[in-house]
Amino acid sequence: MAPLPEHIFEGVVFFLNDDLSPELLATLKELLQTAGAQCWEDSAGEINKAFPRSYRFNPEKVTHVITSTLDFPEYEACIDPQADNVFNIAADSHAVVVDLLKCSLRTPEQPEWVQRSYTLGERQPERFYSPDAARIFSGVVIHASRMPKLEVELIMGAVQSLGGSYKLNLTKEVTHLITPSEDSSKLSVLREPQNRQLGICAVHPSWIDESVKFNRLVDTAPFAWPLDRA
């Protein structure tokens, strides 16, 4: 994994919800603290007595909550529009990130907001990592290649309306290259050894169609273009 500037998560005070596995909790805590974040449990902070006794952290102090569910005691305080500090939800398929004044989401498998930020060496926008189950493309950043303009606009609209985002260029933030042809020059770029570590998946546009059809992110394997060819 590429070296990471120590300030990537500077200013982040996080709480790890107990719905996550011990292994994932340990991984997230290490990544966050290595990159400058502070763990609420280690801060010896106090919880305002005005909050319910069930609260495990102070919503006025914690900036990010990592959890896989919105069913946690502090949720209402995190989204209360009347609160002084309004939280929005940011998530990952395994971990939800609740971030002050921002919002986001993710897909299956990895604590994507944390891991993606760490891998790229730059904090990713939390608003694209929301735990809302209806936003199936949260955490997905697409770039389309060798496709008619109308098809690109349709795909872009579908992805953005369901929580994802679109890049006009193939940048390191892209998670999925969408192309109907293996002859795409962008696919050739991803096949270069120095670019494979970016973790960008190249898939046929039908992956988008199937995900929308089933209202969930379907496995990319049947739709993926191989990247191990010269």
Protein backbone atom coordinates (compact mmCIF):
# COMPACT_ATOMS: atom_id res chain seq x y z
CA MET A 1 0.00 0.00 0.00
CA ALA A 2 1.32 3.43 -0.92
CA PRO A 3 2.74 5.68 1.81
CA LEU A 4 0.08 7.89 3.35
CA PRO A 5 0.45 11.49 4.54
CA GLU A 6 -0.18 11.51 8.26
CA HIS A 7 -2.76 14.29 8.03
CA ILE A 8 -5.33 12.54 5.77
CA PHE A 9 -7.77 12.07 8.66
CA GLU A 10 -6.55 14.99 10.76
CA GLY A 11 -9.44 16.53 12.68
CA VAL A 12 -11.51 13.34 12.56
CA VAL A 13 -12.83 12.07 15.89
CA PHE A 14 -14.39 8.70 15.21
CA PHE A 15 -16.55 6.17 17.01
CA LEU A 16 -16.57 2.51 15.93
CA ASN A 17 -19.97 0.89 16.36
CA ASP A 18 -20.04 -2.55 17.97
CA ASP A 19 -21.93 -4.13 15.06
CA LEU A 20 -18.65 -4.52 13.18
CA SER A 21 -16.48 -7.60 13.45
CA PRO A 22 -13.45 -7.43 15.77
CA GLU A 23 -11.15 -7.84 12.77
CA LEU A 24 -12.76 -4.97 10.88
CA LEU A 25 -12.79 -2.76 13.97
CA ALA A 26 -9.07 -3.32 14.44
CA THR A 27 -8.33 -2.61 10.78
CA LEU A 28 -10.36 0.58 10.70
CA LYS A 29 -8.91 1.88 13.95
CA GLU A 30 -5.37 1.28 12.75
CA LEU A 31 -5.93 2.96 9.37
CA LEU A 32 -7.67 5.97 10.87
CA GLN A 33 -5.19 6.55 13.68
CA THR A 34 -2.19 6.01 11.42
CA ALA A 35 -3.51 8.82 9.25
CA GLY A 36 -4.15 11.30 12.05
CA ALA A 37 -7.65 10.55 13.35
CA GLN A 38 -8.55 10.33 17.03
CA CYS A 39 -10.64 7.52 18.51
CA TRP A 40 -13.44 8.72 20.82
CA GLU A 41 -12.87 5.86 23.25
CA ASP A 42 -9.25 6.95 23.66
CA SER A 43 -10.06 10.63 24.18
CA ALA A 44 -11.54 10.33 27.68
CA GLY A 45 -14.30 12.63 26.52
CA GLU A 46 -17.47 13.09 28.53
CA ILE A 47 -21.04 12.76 27.27
CA ASN A 48 -23.35 15.71 27.82
CA LYS A 49 -25.87 14.78 30.53
CA ALA A 50 -28.62 16.20 28.32
CA PHE A 51 -28.24 13.17 26.07
CA PRO A 52 -29.94 9.83 26.88
CA ARG A 53 -28.03 7.36 29.06
CA SER A 54 -27.89 4.91 26.16
CA TYR A 55 -25.51 7.21 24.27
CA ARG A 56 -21.99 5.81 24.02
CA PHE A 57 -20.35 8.92 22.60
CA ASN A 58 -20.94 12.66 22.53
CA PRO A 59 -22.54 13.67 19.19
CA GLU A 60 -21.19 17.17 19.75
CA LYS A 61 -17.61 15.90 19.71
CA VAL A 62 -17.53 12.88 17.38
CA THR A 63 -17.25 13.75 13.69
CA HIS A 64 -17.52 10.26 12.16
CA VAL A 65 -19.35 7.11 13.21
CA ILE A 66 -18.24 3.87 11.58
CA THR A 67 -21.08 1.33 11.48
CA SER A 68 -22.89 -0.99 9.10
CA THR A 69 -26.36 0.00 10.29
CA LEU A 70 -28.38 3.11 11.01
CA ASP A 71 -29.93 1.34 13.97
CA PHE A 72 -27.73 2.76 16.71
CA PRO A 73 -28.78 4.81 19.78
CA GLU A 74 -27.18 8.08 18.70
CA TYR A 75 -28.64 8.12 15.19
CA GLU A 76 -31.36 10.70 15.86
CA ALA A 77 -28.86 13.15 17.34
CA CYS A 78 -26.66 12.67 14.29
CA ILE A 79 -29.38 13.73 11.86
CA ASP A 80 -31.43 16.20 13.91
CA PRO A 81 -31.68 19.32 11.68
CA GLN A 82 -32.29 21.44 14.78
CA ALA A 83 -29.07 20.35 16.44
CA ASP A 84 -26.12 22.71 16.63
CA ASN A 85 -23.93 20.11 14.96
CA VAL A 86 -25.85 18.38 12.17
CA PHE A 87 -24.50 15.02 11.07
CA ASN A 88 -25.19 13.37 7.77
CA ILE A 89 -24.62 9.74 7.05
CA ALA A 90 -21.72 8.35 5.12
CA ALA A 91 -21.17 4.64 4.72
CA ASP A 92 -19.51 1.68 3.33
CA SER A 93 -20.81 -1.79 2.72
CA HIS A 94 -19.19 -2.84 5.95
CA ALA A 95 -18.89 0.50 7.64
CA VAL A 96 -21.09 3.51 7.77
CA VAL A 97 -19.41 6.84 8.25
CA VAL A 98 -21.44 9.59 9.82
CA ASP A 99 -19.77 12.90 9.06
CA LEU A 100 -20.52 16.38 10.35
CA LEU A 101 -22.23 18.54 7.74
CA LYS A 102 -21.57 16.01 5.00
CA CYS A 103 -23.15 12.87 3.57
CA SER A 104 -22.15 9.67 1.73
CA LEU A 105 -22.15 5.78 1.09
CA ARG A 106 -20.59 2.53 -0.25
CA THR A 107 -20.84 -0.97 -1.73
CA PRO A 108 -20.07 -4.54 -0.54
CA GLU A 109 -16.92 -5.87 1.07
CA GLN A 110 -14.65 -3.15 2.40
CA PRO A 111 -14.82 -0.15 4.76
CA GLU A 112 -14.65 1.85 1.59
CA TRP A 113 -14.50 5.43 2.77
CA VAL A 114 -11.63 4.69 5.11
CA GLN A 115 -9.81 2.27 2.85
CA ARG A 116 -10.30 4.26 -0.36
CA SER A 117 -9.09 7.46 1.29
CA TYR A 118 -6.10 5.63 2.72
CA THR A 119 -5.22 3.94 -0.58
CA LEU A 120 -5.47 7.17 -2.60
CA GLY A 121 -3.71 9.25 0.04
CA GLU A 122 -6.56 11.75 0.00
CA ARG A 123 -9.74 11.93 2.05
CA GLN A 124 -12.69 11.04 -0.17
CA PRO A 125 -15.98 12.99 -0.06
CA GLU A 126 -18.13 11.38 2.62
CA ARG A 127 -21.30 12.31 0.75
CA PHE A 128 -20.61 9.45 -1.66
CA TYR A 129 -20.58 6.85 1.12
CA SER A 130 -24.13 6.86 2.51
CA PRO A 131 -25.74 3.93 4.31
CA ASP A 132 -29.11 4.49 2.69
CA ALA A 133 -29.92 1.06 1.27
CA ALA A 134 -31.76 2.66 -1.65
CA ARG A 135 -28.57 4.35 -2.85
CA ILE A 136 -27.05 1.22 -4.31
CA PHE A 137 -24.21 3.01 -6.11
CA SER A 138 -22.91 4.82 -3.04
CA GLY A 139 -19.14 4.66 -3.07
CA VAL A 140 -19.12 3.94 -6.80
CA VAL A 141 -17.32 6.42 -9.07
CA ILE A 142 -17.66 5.63 -12.76
CA HIS A 143 -16.02 6.74 -15.99
CA ALA A 144 -17.45 5.67 -19.35
CA SER A 145 -15.37 4.90 -22.44
CA ARG A 146 -16.28 4.19 -26.07
CA MET A 147 -19.97 4.74 -25.54
CA PRO A 148 -22.49 6.98 -27.37
CA LYS A 149 -23.19 10.28 -25.61
CA LEU A 150 -26.83 9.40 -24.95
CA GLU A 151 -25.90 6.09 -23.31
CA VAL A 152 -23.30 7.81 -21.17
CA GLU A 153 -25.88 10.36 -20.02
CA LEU A 154 -28.37 7.60 -19.16
CA ILE A 155 -25.80 5.64 -17.17
CA MET A 156 -24.52 8.76 -15.46
CA GLY A 157 -28.06 9.75 -14.48
CA ALA A 158 -28.83 6.30 -13.09
CA VAL A 159 -25.64 6.10 -11.06
CA GLN A 160 -25.89 9.61 -9.66
CA SER A 161 -29.56 9.25 -8.75
CA LEU A 162 -28.69 6.13 -6.77
CA GLY A 163 -25.82 7.56 -4.76
CA GLY A 164 -22.81 7.23 -7.06
CA SER A 165 -20.75 9.78 -8.96
CA TYR A 166 -19.23 10.26 -12.41
CA LYS A 167 -15.85 11.50 -13.59
CA LEU A 168 -15.29 12.99 -17.04
CA ASN A 169 -11.74 11.64 -17.02
CA LEU A 170 -10.17 8.39 -15.85
CA THR A 171 -8.71 9.63 -12.58
CA LYS A 172 -7.47 7.70 -9.57
CA GLU A 173 -10.78 8.36 -7.79
CA VAL A 174 -12.66 6.21 -10.32
CA THR A 175 -13.74 2.81 -8.99
CA HIS A 176 -15.34 1.43 -12.18
CA LEU A 177 -14.49 1.95 -15.85
CA ILE A 178 -17.64 1.31 -17.90
CA THR A 179 -16.95 0.21 -21.47
CA PRO A 180 -18.69 -2.10 -23.98
CA SER A 181 -15.46 -2.87 -25.81
CA GLU A 182 -12.24 -4.57 -24.85
CA ASP A 183 -10.56 -2.35 -27.42
CA SER A 184 -11.03 0.72 -25.24
CA SER A 185 -7.85 2.76 -24.91
CA LYS A 186 -8.78 3.43 -21.27
CA LEU A 187 -8.78 -0.31 -20.65
CA SER A 188 -5.25 -0.43 -22.04
CA VAL A 189 -4.27 2.26 -19.56
CA LEU A 190 -5.61 0.20 -16.65
CA ARG A 191 -3.64 -2.80 -17.86
CA GLU A 192 -0.35 -0.98 -17.43
CA PRO A 193 1.45 -2.50 -14.40
CA GLN A 194 1.74 0.81 -12.56
CA ASN A 195 -2.03 1.38 -12.79
CA ARG A 196 -3.30 -2.00 -11.64
CA GLN A 197 -2.70 -1.06 -8.01
CA LEU A 198 -5.38 1.63 -8.30
CA GLY A 199 -8.00 -1.07 -7.92
CA ILE A 200 -10.22 0.24 -10.73
CA CYS A 201 -12.60 -2.40 -12.03
CA ALA A 202 -13.42 -2.43 -15.77
CA VAL A 203 -16.92 -3.69 -16.53
CA HIS A 204 -19.44 -3.94 -19.35
CA PRO A 205 -22.34 -1.41 -19.15
CA SER A 206 -24.77 -4.26 -18.49
CA TRP A 207 -23.38 -4.37 -14.94
CA ILE A 208 -25.14 -1.05 -14.35
CA ASP A 209 -28.36 -2.36 -15.90
CA GLU A 210 -28.38 -5.51 -13.79
CA SER A 211 -27.64 -3.62 -10.59
CA VAL A 212 -30.54 -1.25 -11.24
CA LYS A 213 -32.78 -4.18 -12.18
CA PHE A 214 -32.13 -6.03 -8.92
CA ASN A 215 -31.82 -2.84 -6.84
CA ARG A 216 -28.42 -3.87 -5.47
CA LEU A 217 -24.83 -4.00 -6.60
CA VAL A 218 -24.45 -7.30 -8.41
CA ASP A 219 -21.18 -9.19 -8.59
CA THR A 220 -18.87 -7.58 -11.16
CA ALA A 221 -17.14 -10.85 -12.07
CA PRO A 222 -19.51 -11.86 -14.93
CA PHE A 223 -19.24 -8.36 -16.43
CA ALA A 224 -15.54 -7.60 -15.85
CA TRP A 225 -12.91 -7.11 -18.52
CA PRO A 226 -9.62 -8.85 -17.62
CA LEU A 227 -6.82 -6.49 -16.65
CA ASP A 228 -4.01 -9.04 -16.69
CA ARG A 229 -3.44 -8.86 -20.43
CA ALA A 230 -0.67 -6.89 -22.04
